[in-house]
């Protein structure tokens, strides 16, 4: 009986040991997560593209969802058509959630200045959600 248990235990240990390299290889092949710096780059790229009125250079998911003041719209619409400069900006990132955001003041082409809050969600190195609130 003890011999059977030893055989079973040996088989379990060998199986577990053989699976470790496989698990490590799978983990290493996964796309790296977007850390704080990566997320902040996405925020800066988004805001720079908005000021240039050109979203074509952004890495966005095919099922991207965007809202402005709670209303769905397409990337490049809304504030994108009138933003001229950002005079004040504070950005932050939550790498665990894959989200980044920014608060600031945007100057429109008309000269009007508005406060804004931006949230960008990033998955697989692509923007998947954008929310912006403009006062």
N, C-alpha and C. Protein backbone atom coordinates (compact mmCIF):
# COMPACT_ATOMS: atom_id res chain seq x y z
N UNK A 1 0.82 -1.20 0.00
CA UNK A 1 0.00 0.00 0.00
C UNK A 1 0.86 1.27 0.00
N UNK A 2 1.89 1.28 0.86
CA UNK A 2 2.78 2.44 0.93
C UNK A 2 3.51 2.62 -0.39
N UNK A 3 3.81 1.48 -1.04
CA UNK A 3 4.50 1.54 -2.32
C UNK A 3 3.62 2.22 -3.38
N UNK A 4 2.33 1.94 -3.39
CA UNK A 4 1.40 2.56 -4.33
C UNK A 4 1.32 4.08 -4.11
N UNK A 5 1.26 4.48 -2.85
CA UNK A 5 1.20 5.91 -2.54
C UNK A 5 2.47 6.61 -3.01
N UNK A 6 3.63 5.95 -2.80
CA UNK A 6 4.89 6.52 -3.25
C UNK A 6 4.90 6.67 -4.78
N UNK A 7 4.39 5.69 -5.47
CA UNK A 7 4.33 5.74 -6.94
C UNK A 7 3.40 6.86 -7.41
N UNK A 8 2.27 6.97 -6.75
CA UNK A 8 1.31 8.02 -7.10
C UNK A 8 1.91 9.39 -6.81
N UNK A 9 2.53 9.55 -5.65
CA UNK A 9 3.15 10.82 -5.28
C UNK A 9 4.26 11.18 -6.26
N UNK A 10 5.06 10.22 -6.64
CA UNK A 10 6.14 10.47 -7.61
C UNK A 10 5.56 10.91 -8.94
N UNK A 11 4.51 10.28 -9.39
CA UNK A 11 3.87 10.64 -10.66
C UNK A 11 3.31 12.06 -10.60
N UNK A 12 2.69 12.42 -9.49
CA UNK A 12 2.13 13.77 -9.33
C UNK A 12 3.24 14.81 -9.36
N UNK A 13 4.33 14.58 -8.63
CA UNK A 13 5.45 15.53 -8.59
C UNK A 13 6.06 15.68 -9.97
N UNK A 14 6.25 14.59 -10.69
CA UNK A 14 6.81 14.67 -12.04
C UNK A 14 5.88 15.43 -13.00
N UNK A 15 4.59 15.19 -12.89
CA UNK A 15 3.63 15.89 -13.75
C UNK A 15 3.64 17.39 -13.45
N UNK A 16 3.66 17.72 -12.19
CA UNK A 16 3.70 19.14 -11.81
C UNK A 16 4.99 19.78 -12.28
N UNK A 17 6.09 19.10 -12.13
CA UNK A 17 7.38 19.63 -12.57
C UNK A 17 7.43 19.82 -14.07
N UNK A 18 6.82 18.92 -14.81
CA UNK A 18 6.82 19.03 -16.27
C UNK A 18 5.93 20.18 -16.74
N UNK A 19 4.92 20.52 -15.98
CA UNK A 19 4.00 21.58 -16.41
C UNK A 19 4.55 22.98 -16.17
N UNK A 20 5.50 23.14 -15.27
CA UNK A 20 6.04 24.46 -14.95
C UNK A 20 6.66 25.13 -16.18
N UNK A 21 7.55 24.47 -16.94
CA UNK A 21 8.10 25.14 -18.13
C UNK A 21 7.04 25.54 -19.14
N UNK A 22 6.01 24.71 -19.28
CA UNK A 22 4.92 25.04 -20.20
C UNK A 22 4.20 26.29 -19.74
N UNK A 23 3.88 26.37 -18.46
CA UNK A 23 3.19 27.55 -17.93
C UNK A 23 4.06 28.80 -18.06
N UNK A 24 5.34 28.68 -17.81
CA UNK A 24 6.24 29.83 -17.96
C UNK A 24 6.33 30.28 -19.40
N UNK A 25 6.36 29.36 -20.34
CA UNK A 25 6.40 29.72 -21.76
C UNK A 25 5.13 30.43 -22.19
N UNK A 26 3.98 29.95 -21.72
CA UNK A 26 2.71 30.61 -22.05
C UNK A 26 2.68 32.02 -21.48
N UNK A 27 3.11 32.17 -20.24
CA UNK A 27 3.13 33.49 -19.61
C UNK A 27 4.07 34.44 -20.33
N UNK A 28 5.22 33.94 -20.76
CA UNK A 28 6.20 34.79 -21.45
C UNK A 28 5.71 35.22 -22.82
N UNK A 29 4.86 34.42 -23.45
CA UNK A 29 4.37 34.75 -24.78
C UNK A 29 3.21 35.75 -24.75
N UNK A 30 2.63 35.97 -23.59
CA UNK A 30 1.53 36.92 -23.49
C UNK A 30 2.03 38.33 -23.75
N UNK A 31 1.19 39.13 -24.34
CA UNK A 31 1.55 40.52 -24.61
C UNK A 31 1.74 41.25 -23.29
N UNK A 32 2.79 42.03 -23.16
CA UNK A 32 3.02 42.72 -21.90
C UNK A 32 1.89 43.70 -21.59
N UNK A 33 1.58 43.82 -20.32
CA UNK A 33 0.54 44.75 -19.89
C UNK A 33 1.05 46.18 -20.06
N UNK A 34 0.15 47.08 -20.15
CA UNK A 34 0.49 48.49 -20.28
C UNK A 34 0.71 49.04 -18.87
N UNK A 35 1.95 49.40 -18.55
CA UNK A 35 2.25 49.93 -17.23
C UNK A 35 1.89 51.42 -17.16
N UNK A 36 2.23 52.05 -16.06
CA UNK A 36 1.86 53.46 -15.84
C UNK A 36 2.38 54.36 -16.96
N UNK A 37 3.64 54.20 -17.31
CA UNK A 37 4.22 55.03 -18.37
C UNK A 37 3.54 54.82 -19.71
N UNK A 38 3.24 53.58 -20.02
CA UNK A 38 2.54 53.24 -21.26
C UNK A 38 1.16 53.90 -21.29
N UNK A 39 0.44 53.81 -20.18
CA UNK A 39 -0.89 54.42 -20.11
C UNK A 39 -0.82 55.94 -20.26
N UNK A 40 0.15 56.56 -19.62
CA UNK A 40 0.30 58.01 -19.75
C UNK A 40 0.65 58.41 -21.17
N UNK A 41 1.41 57.56 -21.88
CA UNK A 41 1.69 57.81 -23.29
C UNK A 41 0.40 57.79 -24.10
N UNK A 42 -0.49 56.85 -23.79
CA UNK A 42 -1.78 56.80 -24.50
C UNK A 42 -2.57 58.08 -24.27
N UNK A 43 -2.55 58.59 -23.04
CA UNK A 43 -3.25 59.85 -22.75
C UNK A 43 -2.68 60.99 -23.57
N UNK A 44 -1.35 61.10 -23.58
CA UNK A 44 -0.70 62.18 -24.33
C UNK A 44 -0.95 62.05 -25.83
N UNK A 45 -0.89 60.83 -26.35
CA UNK A 45 -1.16 60.62 -27.77
C UNK A 45 -2.59 61.01 -28.11
N UNK A 46 -3.53 60.64 -27.24
CA UNK A 46 -4.94 60.96 -27.48
C UNK A 46 -5.14 62.48 -27.51
N UNK A 47 -4.60 63.17 -26.50
CA UNK A 47 -4.80 64.62 -26.44
C UNK A 47 -4.09 65.33 -27.59
N UNK A 48 -2.89 64.89 -27.95
CA UNK A 48 -2.18 65.50 -29.09
C UNK A 48 -2.94 65.28 -30.39
N UNK A 49 -3.51 64.08 -30.57
CA UNK A 49 -4.30 63.81 -31.77
C UNK A 49 -5.55 64.68 -31.80
N UNK A 50 -6.16 64.88 -30.62
CA UNK A 50 -7.35 65.72 -30.54
C UNK A 50 -7.02 67.16 -30.95
N UNK A 51 -5.90 67.67 -30.45
CA UNK A 51 -5.51 69.04 -30.79
C UNK A 51 -5.16 69.17 -32.28
N UNK A 52 -4.66 68.10 -32.88
CA UNK A 52 -4.33 68.11 -34.30
C UNK A 52 -5.56 67.81 -35.16
N UNK A 53 -6.69 67.49 -34.52
CA UNK A 53 -7.94 67.13 -35.21
C UNK A 53 -7.72 65.92 -36.13
N UNK A 54 -6.87 64.98 -35.69
CA UNK A 54 -6.54 63.84 -36.54
C UNK A 54 -6.38 62.57 -35.70
N UNK A 55 -7.43 61.74 -35.61
CA UNK A 55 -7.34 60.51 -34.82
C UNK A 55 -6.67 59.35 -35.55
N UNK A 56 -6.24 59.53 -36.78
CA UNK A 56 -5.76 58.41 -37.60
C UNK A 56 -4.52 57.71 -37.03
N UNK A 57 -3.71 58.38 -36.25
CA UNK A 57 -2.50 57.77 -35.72
C UNK A 57 -2.69 57.02 -34.42
N UNK A 58 -3.89 57.05 -33.87
CA UNK A 58 -4.13 56.37 -32.60
C UNK A 58 -4.34 54.88 -32.79
N UNK A 59 -3.87 54.11 -31.83
CA UNK A 59 -4.11 52.66 -31.84
C UNK A 59 -5.43 52.41 -31.10
N UNK A 60 -6.47 52.17 -31.87
CA UNK A 60 -7.80 51.97 -31.29
C UNK A 60 -8.35 50.61 -31.70
N UNK A 61 -9.16 50.05 -30.81
CA UNK A 61 -9.82 48.78 -31.09
C UNK A 61 -10.94 48.99 -32.09
N UNK A 62 -11.27 47.94 -32.83
CA UNK A 62 -12.33 48.05 -33.83
C UNK A 62 -13.69 48.31 -33.18
N UNK A 63 -13.84 47.90 -31.92
CA UNK A 63 -15.11 48.12 -31.22
C UNK A 63 -15.00 49.26 -30.21
N UNK A 64 -14.18 50.25 -30.50
CA UNK A 64 -13.99 51.42 -29.64
C UNK A 64 -15.32 52.08 -29.32
N UNK A 65 -15.51 52.44 -28.04
CA UNK A 65 -16.68 53.22 -27.65
C UNK A 65 -16.21 54.56 -27.09
N UNK A 66 -16.84 55.62 -27.54
CA UNK A 66 -16.49 56.96 -27.06
C UNK A 66 -17.76 57.71 -26.68
N UNK A 67 -17.64 58.50 -25.61
CA UNK A 67 -18.74 59.37 -25.22
C UNK A 67 -18.19 60.75 -24.86
N UNK A 68 -19.01 61.74 -25.07
CA UNK A 68 -18.70 63.10 -24.63
C UNK A 68 -19.92 63.61 -23.89
N UNK A 69 -19.71 63.96 -22.63
CA UNK A 69 -20.79 64.38 -21.75
C UNK A 69 -21.93 63.35 -21.75
N UNK A 70 -21.55 62.08 -21.76
CA UNK A 70 -22.50 60.99 -21.66
C UNK A 70 -23.18 60.59 -22.96
N UNK A 71 -22.89 61.30 -24.05
CA UNK A 71 -23.52 60.99 -25.34
C UNK A 71 -22.53 60.24 -26.24
N UNK A 72 -22.95 59.10 -26.78
CA UNK A 72 -22.06 58.36 -27.69
C UNK A 72 -21.75 59.18 -28.94
N UNK A 73 -20.52 59.11 -29.38
CA UNK A 73 -20.13 59.72 -30.64
C UNK A 73 -18.92 59.01 -31.19
N UNK A 74 -18.59 59.30 -32.43
CA UNK A 74 -17.44 58.67 -33.08
C UNK A 74 -16.17 59.44 -32.75
N UNK A 75 -15.07 58.71 -32.79
CA UNK A 75 -13.77 59.33 -32.57
C UNK A 75 -13.55 60.41 -33.61
N UNK A 76 -13.17 61.60 -33.14
CA UNK A 76 -12.96 62.72 -34.05
C UNK A 76 -14.09 63.72 -34.04
N UNK A 77 -15.18 63.40 -33.34
CA UNK A 77 -16.31 64.32 -33.27
C UNK A 77 -16.29 65.06 -31.93
N UNK A 78 -17.20 65.99 -31.77
CA UNK A 78 -17.33 66.72 -30.51
C UNK A 78 -16.17 67.68 -30.29
N UNK A 79 -15.57 67.60 -29.12
CA UNK A 79 -14.46 68.49 -28.76
C UNK A 79 -13.31 68.41 -29.76
N UNK A 80 -13.16 67.29 -30.42
CA UNK A 80 -12.10 67.12 -31.41
C UNK A 80 -12.18 68.18 -32.50
N UNK A 81 -13.35 68.66 -32.82
CA UNK A 81 -13.50 69.61 -33.94
C UNK A 81 -13.19 71.04 -33.53
N UNK A 82 -13.14 71.32 -32.21
CA UNK A 82 -12.96 72.71 -31.78
C UNK A 82 -11.76 72.94 -30.87
N UNK A 83 -11.12 71.89 -30.37
CA UNK A 83 -10.01 72.04 -29.42
C UNK A 83 -8.80 72.66 -30.11
N UNK A 84 -8.21 73.65 -29.44
CA UNK A 84 -7.04 74.34 -30.00
C UNK A 84 -5.79 74.13 -29.15
N UNK A 85 -5.96 74.19 -27.83
CA UNK A 85 -4.80 74.06 -26.94
C UNK A 85 -5.28 73.57 -25.58
N UNK A 86 -4.35 72.99 -24.84
CA UNK A 86 -4.63 72.58 -23.47
C UNK A 86 -3.67 73.36 -22.59
N UNK A 87 -4.23 74.23 -21.74
CA UNK A 87 -3.38 75.11 -20.95
C UNK A 87 -3.01 74.52 -19.60
N UNK A 88 -3.84 73.69 -19.07
CA UNK A 88 -3.57 73.05 -17.78
C UNK A 88 -3.91 71.58 -17.94
N UNK A 89 -3.03 70.71 -17.43
CA UNK A 89 -3.30 69.28 -17.55
C UNK A 89 -2.65 68.53 -16.41
N UNK A 90 -3.40 67.61 -15.82
CA UNK A 90 -2.87 66.70 -14.82
C UNK A 90 -3.35 65.31 -15.20
N UNK A 91 -2.41 64.39 -15.38
CA UNK A 91 -2.76 63.05 -15.81
C UNK A 91 -2.43 62.04 -14.72
N UNK A 92 -3.11 60.90 -14.77
CA UNK A 92 -2.89 59.83 -13.81
C UNK A 92 -3.16 58.51 -14.52
N UNK A 93 -2.72 57.41 -13.90
CA UNK A 93 -2.91 56.10 -14.51
C UNK A 93 -3.14 55.05 -13.44
N UNK A 94 -3.96 54.06 -13.78
CA UNK A 94 -4.21 52.90 -12.93
C UNK A 94 -3.87 51.67 -13.76
N UNK A 95 -2.63 51.19 -13.62
CA UNK A 95 -2.17 50.07 -14.43
C UNK A 95 -2.97 48.80 -14.16
N UNK A 96 -3.42 48.60 -12.93
CA UNK A 96 -4.19 47.39 -12.61
C UNK A 96 -5.51 47.36 -13.37
N UNK A 97 -6.12 48.51 -13.57
CA UNK A 97 -7.39 48.60 -14.29
C UNK A 97 -7.19 48.84 -15.79
N UNK A 98 -5.96 49.20 -16.19
CA UNK A 98 -5.69 49.50 -17.59
C UNK A 98 -6.34 50.80 -18.03
N UNK A 99 -6.45 51.74 -17.08
CA UNK A 99 -7.11 53.00 -17.39
C UNK A 99 -6.20 54.18 -17.07
N UNK A 100 -6.41 55.23 -17.80
CA UNK A 100 -5.66 56.46 -17.61
C UNK A 100 -6.64 57.62 -17.73
N UNK A 101 -6.26 58.73 -17.19
CA UNK A 101 -7.15 59.88 -17.26
C UNK A 101 -6.39 61.17 -17.17
N UNK A 102 -7.12 62.23 -17.40
CA UNK A 102 -6.52 63.55 -17.36
C UNK A 102 -7.61 64.57 -17.03
N UNK A 103 -7.21 65.56 -16.26
CA UNK A 103 -8.05 66.72 -15.98
C UNK A 103 -7.33 67.92 -16.54
N UNK A 104 -8.06 68.90 -16.99
CA UNK A 104 -7.38 70.09 -17.49
C UNK A 104 -8.33 71.14 -17.99
N UNK A 105 -7.72 72.10 -18.68
CA UNK A 105 -8.48 73.19 -19.29
C UNK A 105 -8.13 73.19 -20.78
N UNK A 106 -9.17 73.12 -21.60
CA UNK A 106 -8.98 73.14 -23.04
C UNK A 106 -9.45 74.48 -23.58
N UNK A 107 -8.66 75.02 -24.50
CA UNK A 107 -9.06 76.25 -25.17
C UNK A 107 -9.57 75.87 -26.55
N UNK A 108 -10.76 76.37 -26.86
CA UNK A 108 -11.35 76.08 -28.16
C UNK A 108 -10.89 77.12 -29.17
N UNK A 109 -11.09 76.84 -30.44
CA UNK A 109 -10.69 77.76 -31.49
C UNK A 109 -11.38 79.11 -31.37
N UNK A 110 -12.56 79.14 -30.74
CA UNK A 110 -13.30 80.39 -30.53
C UNK A 110 -12.68 81.24 -29.41
N UNK A 111 -11.72 80.66 -28.67
CA UNK A 111 -11.12 81.35 -27.54
C UNK A 111 -11.75 80.94 -26.21
N UNK A 112 -12.90 80.31 -26.27
CA UNK A 112 -13.57 79.83 -25.05
C UNK A 112 -12.70 78.78 -24.36
N UNK A 113 -12.68 78.83 -23.03
CA UNK A 113 -11.91 77.87 -22.24
C UNK A 113 -12.88 77.04 -21.41
N UNK A 114 -12.66 75.74 -21.42
CA UNK A 114 -13.51 74.82 -20.66
C UNK A 114 -12.67 73.82 -19.90
N UNK A 115 -13.15 73.45 -18.73
CA UNK A 115 -12.51 72.36 -17.99
C UNK A 115 -12.96 71.04 -18.61
N UNK A 116 -12.07 70.05 -18.56
CA UNK A 116 -12.42 68.73 -19.08
C UNK A 116 -11.87 67.65 -18.16
N UNK A 117 -12.51 66.50 -18.24
CA UNK A 117 -12.04 65.28 -17.58
C UNK A 117 -12.09 64.18 -18.62
N UNK A 118 -11.00 63.44 -18.73
CA UNK A 118 -10.86 62.40 -19.74
C UNK A 118 -10.54 61.07 -19.08
N UNK A 119 -11.17 59.99 -19.55
CA UNK A 119 -10.83 58.63 -19.13
C UNK A 119 -10.61 57.79 -20.38
N UNK A 120 -9.48 57.10 -20.40
CA UNK A 120 -9.14 56.24 -21.53
C UNK A 120 -8.86 54.84 -20.98
N UNK A 121 -9.51 53.83 -21.54
CA UNK A 121 -9.26 52.44 -21.16
C UNK A 121 -8.46 51.78 -22.27
N UNK A 122 -7.39 51.08 -21.87
CA UNK A 122 -6.48 50.44 -22.81
C UNK A 122 -6.46 48.94 -22.56
N UNK A 123 -6.63 48.16 -23.62
CA UNK A 123 -6.50 46.71 -23.56
C UNK A 123 -5.70 46.25 -24.77
N UNK A 124 -4.77 45.35 -24.56
CA UNK A 124 -3.96 44.79 -25.65
C UNK A 124 -3.32 45.90 -26.48
N UNK A 125 -2.81 46.92 -25.80
CA UNK A 125 -2.11 48.04 -26.45
C UNK A 125 -3.00 48.81 -27.43
N UNK A 126 -4.31 48.84 -27.17
CA UNK A 126 -5.25 49.60 -27.98
C UNK A 126 -6.25 50.32 -27.08
N UNK A 127 -6.69 51.48 -27.52
CA UNK A 127 -7.73 52.20 -26.81
C UNK A 127 -9.06 51.52 -27.10
N UNK A 128 -9.79 51.14 -26.03
CA UNK A 128 -11.07 50.47 -26.21
C UNK A 128 -12.26 51.32 -25.75
N UNK A 129 -12.00 52.27 -24.84
CA UNK A 129 -13.07 53.15 -24.35
C UNK A 129 -12.49 54.54 -24.10
N UNK A 130 -13.30 55.55 -24.40
CA UNK A 130 -12.94 56.93 -24.10
C UNK A 130 -14.19 57.64 -23.59
N UNK A 131 -14.03 58.30 -22.47
CA UNK A 131 -15.09 59.16 -21.93
C UNK A 131 -14.48 60.53 -21.72
N UNK A 132 -15.17 61.56 -22.16
CA UNK A 132 -14.71 62.90 -21.87
C UNK A 132 -15.89 63.74 -21.41
N UNK A 133 -15.66 64.48 -20.37
CA UNK A 133 -16.66 65.43 -19.86
C UNK A 133 -16.09 66.82 -20.07
N UNK A 134 -16.89 67.70 -20.66
CA UNK A 134 -16.46 69.06 -20.93
C UNK A 134 -17.47 70.00 -20.28
N UNK A 135 -16.98 70.91 -19.50
CA UNK A 135 -17.86 71.87 -18.82
C UNK A 135 -18.23 73.01 -19.72
